[in-house]
Amino acid sequence: MRLAILSDTHVPGRADGIPPWVEARVREADLVIHAGDFDSPATLDRLRDLSARFVGVRGNIDPPSIDLPFVDIAEVDGLTFVVTHGTGTRTGYESRVADAVRDAAGDGAVGVAGHIHEVVDEVVDGVRVLNPGTATAANPGDDATMMVGTVVDGSLSVEVVRGD
């Protein structure tokens, strides 16, 4: 299964729109995972319209009209993903995400989070933590990034894609 993993689009607050290269990868994916901070219902609607299957969560700047949970779980070909936006400062971020993953799904799940606008792919106390960065290079991010991945028989491979 092909995945498009993104976060922190911040449209229209910090970016004019979702870049075409991001939209192309969203269209190609079997599952799109967005870890919050859409910024507007229109951005959420656009990504849902482009997606074959969509899982997303609310971020810390999302308005109440973005009616998504703060944590969601997706099962993909034998692998569990726990999606959350993330909280707090950069210090201890990965550990907080790993704790949220364990609380939601126990050991063995993969965490997908946003919030810090930085790419992360680390194993923290046995939990793989992914952060795709910001798909629009929204401040304080310097680069537009997302992740694309493949899940086969419970095994995940991921690569970072950077904007043009």
Protein backbone atom coordinates (compact mmCIF):
# COMPACT_ATOMS: atom_id res chain seq x y z
CA MET A 1 0.00 0.00 0.00
CA ARG A 2 1.30 3.46 -0.94
CA LEU A 3 1.17 6.22 1.67
CA ALA A 4 1.40 10.00 1.51
CA ILE A 5 2.29 11.39 4.94
CA LEU A 6 2.09 15.12 5.53
CA SER A 7 1.47 17.74 8.16
CA ASP A 8 1.45 21.43 8.95
CA THR A 9 0.08 22.71 5.65
CA HIS A 10 -1.08 25.97 7.29
CA VAL A 11 -3.16 27.14 4.31
CA PRO A 12 -4.06 30.03 4.13
CA GLY A 13 -2.47 31.33 7.36
CA ARG A 14 1.19 30.75 6.45
CA ALA A 15 1.04 29.45 2.85
CA ASP A 16 -0.99 30.29 -0.24
CA GLY A 17 -1.88 26.73 -1.16
CA ILE A 18 -0.87 23.11 -1.24
CA PRO A 19 2.03 22.77 -3.71
CA PRO A 20 1.29 20.84 -6.92
CA TRP A 21 4.04 18.28 -6.17
CA VAL A 22 2.32 17.50 -2.84
CA GLU A 23 -1.09 17.20 -4.50
CA ALA A 24 0.39 14.79 -7.07
CA ARG A 25 1.70 12.47 -4.36
CA VAL A 26 -1.59 12.66 -2.46
CA ARG A 27 -3.46 11.58 -5.60
CA GLU A 28 -1.06 8.65 -6.13
CA ALA A 29 -1.44 7.30 -2.57
CA ASP A 30 -3.75 4.57 -1.40
CA LEU A 31 -3.83 6.27 2.03
CA VAL A 32 -3.12 9.87 2.97
CA ILE A 33 -2.15 10.61 6.58
CA HIS A 34 -2.19 14.26 7.73
CA ALA A 35 -0.94 15.08 11.23
CA GLY A 36 -2.80 18.37 11.67
CA ASP A 37 -2.53 22.13 11.32
CA PHE A 38 -4.54 22.36 8.13
CA ASP A 39 -5.42 25.94 9.13
CA SER A 40 -8.80 25.95 7.35
CA PRO A 41 -11.70 23.62 6.53
CA ALA A 42 -11.08 24.34 2.83
CA THR A 43 -7.60 22.82 3.08
CA LEU A 44 -8.96 19.72 4.80
CA ASP A 45 -11.70 19.42 2.14
CA ARG A 46 -9.17 19.76 -0.69
CA LEU A 47 -6.96 16.98 0.70
CA ARG A 48 -9.96 14.71 1.30
CA ASP A 49 -11.13 15.32 -2.29
CA LEU A 50 -7.72 14.29 -3.64
CA SER A 51 -7.42 11.20 -1.43
CA ALA A 52 -8.48 7.62 -2.08
CA ARG A 53 -8.53 7.12 1.72
CA PHE A 54 -7.80 9.83 4.29
CA VAL A 55 -6.87 9.84 7.97
CA GLY A 56 -6.22 13.15 9.72
CA VAL A 57 -6.15 14.78 13.12
CA ARG A 58 -6.63 18.29 14.46
CA GLY A 59 -3.59 20.39 15.14
CA ASN A 60 -3.07 23.03 17.78
CA ILE A 61 -3.97 25.95 15.47
CA ASP A 62 -6.92 24.30 13.71
CA PRO A 63 -10.29 25.98 14.27
CA PRO A 64 -13.17 24.05 15.88
CA SER A 65 -14.79 23.78 12.43
CA ILE A 66 -12.11 21.20 11.59
CA ASP A 67 -14.04 18.31 13.06
CA LEU A 68 -11.29 15.73 13.45
CA PRO A 69 -10.06 13.83 16.50
CA PHE A 70 -6.82 14.76 18.24
CA VAL A 71 -5.64 11.15 17.90
CA ASP A 72 -6.64 8.59 15.27
CA ILE A 73 -5.54 5.08 14.38
CA ALA A 74 -5.13 3.54 10.93
CA GLU A 75 -4.55 -0.15 10.27
CA VAL A 76 -2.57 -0.75 7.08
CA ASP A 77 -1.58 -4.19 5.83
CA GLY A 78 -0.69 -5.53 9.27
CA LEU A 79 0.77 -2.28 10.63
CA THR A 80 -0.87 0.15 13.07
CA PHE A 81 -0.35 3.89 12.70
CA VAL A 82 -1.21 6.28 15.51
CA VAL A 83 -1.68 9.80 14.20
CA THR A 84 -1.43 12.80 16.53
CA HIS A 85 -0.32 16.38 16.03
CA GLY A 86 2.22 16.55 18.84
CA THR A 87 2.54 19.09 21.63
CA GLY A 88 4.97 21.26 23.51
CA THR A 89 8.47 22.41 22.84
CA ARG A 90 11.11 20.67 20.76
CA THR A 91 12.75 19.25 23.89
CA GLY A 92 11.28 15.83 24.62
CA TYR A 93 9.04 15.91 21.53
CA GLU A 94 9.86 12.39 20.28
CA SER A 95 9.30 10.90 23.74
CA ARG A 96 5.91 12.61 24.06
CA VAL A 97 4.85 11.25 20.67
CA ALA A 98 6.08 7.74 21.57
CA ASP A 99 4.11 7.90 24.84
CA ALA A 100 0.95 8.94 22.94
CA VAL A 101 1.44 6.03 20.54
CA ARG A 102 1.80 3.52 23.38
CA ASP A 103 -1.26 4.97 25.16
CA ALA A 104 -3.39 4.65 22.01
CA ALA A 105 -2.22 1.33 20.58
CA GLY A 106 0.48 -0.26 22.70
CA ASP A 107 3.86 -1.42 21.48
CA GLY A 108 4.52 -2.09 17.83
CA ALA A 109 2.58 0.87 16.39
CA VAL A 110 4.15 3.64 14.32
CA GLY A 111 3.59 7.24 15.39
CA VAL A 112 2.93 10.00 12.87
CA ALA A 113 3.01 13.54 14.24
CA GLY A 114 3.60 17.12 13.17
CA HIS A 115 3.85 20.36 15.17
CA ILE A 116 7.61 21.06 15.04
CA HIS A 117 7.92 21.51 11.23
CA GLU A 118 10.99 19.22 11.19
CA VAL A 119 11.51 15.85 9.53
CA VAL A 120 11.89 13.03 12.06
CA ASP A 121 12.29 9.30 11.50
CA GLU A 122 13.54 7.80 14.75
CA VAL A 123 12.88 4.84 16.99
CA VAL A 124 12.23 6.04 20.55
CA ASP A 125 11.95 3.38 23.26
CA GLY A 126 10.84 0.85 20.65
CA VAL A 127 8.33 3.15 18.88
CA ARG A 128 9.04 4.45 15.38
CA VAL A 129 8.21 8.16 15.30
CA LEU A 130 7.66 9.90 11.95
CA ASN A 131 7.25 13.60 11.34
CA PRO A 132 7.01 14.62 7.68
CA GLY A 133 7.86 18.27 8.37
CA THR A 134 5.76 20.99 6.77
CA ALA A 135 4.40 20.35 3.28
CA THR A 136 4.35 24.08 2.48
CA ALA A 137 7.56 25.30 4.18
CA ALA A 138 5.33 27.12 6.66
CA ASN A 139 7.20 29.27 9.18
CA PRO A 140 9.26 28.22 11.13
CA GLY A 141 10.06 25.54 8.53
CA ASP A 142 12.73 26.20 5.92
CA ASP A 143 11.91 23.41 3.47
CA ALA A 144 8.67 21.99 2.09
CA THR A 145 8.74 18.28 2.91
CA MET A 146 6.49 15.27 3.14
CA MET A 147 6.98 11.54 3.33
CA VAL A 148 5.92 8.82 0.95
CA GLY A 149 5.90 5.26 2.11
CA THR A 150 5.02 1.72 1.27
CA VAL A 151 3.61 -0.92 3.60
CA VAL A 152 3.99 -4.56 2.56
CA ASP A 153 3.07 -7.37 4.98
CA GLY A 154 3.45 -5.12 8.01
CA SER A 155 6.81 -3.69 6.94
CA LEU A 156 7.16 0.06 6.33
CA SER A 157 9.63 1.84 4.09
CA VAL A 158 9.60 5.64 4.01
CA GLU A 159 11.36 8.33 2.04
CA VAL A 160 11.35 12.10 2.47
CA VAL A 161 10.27 14.15 -0.54
CA ARG A 162 11.37 17.79 -0.75
CA GLY A 163 9.72 20.59 -2.68
CA ASP A 164 10.92 21.77 -6.04
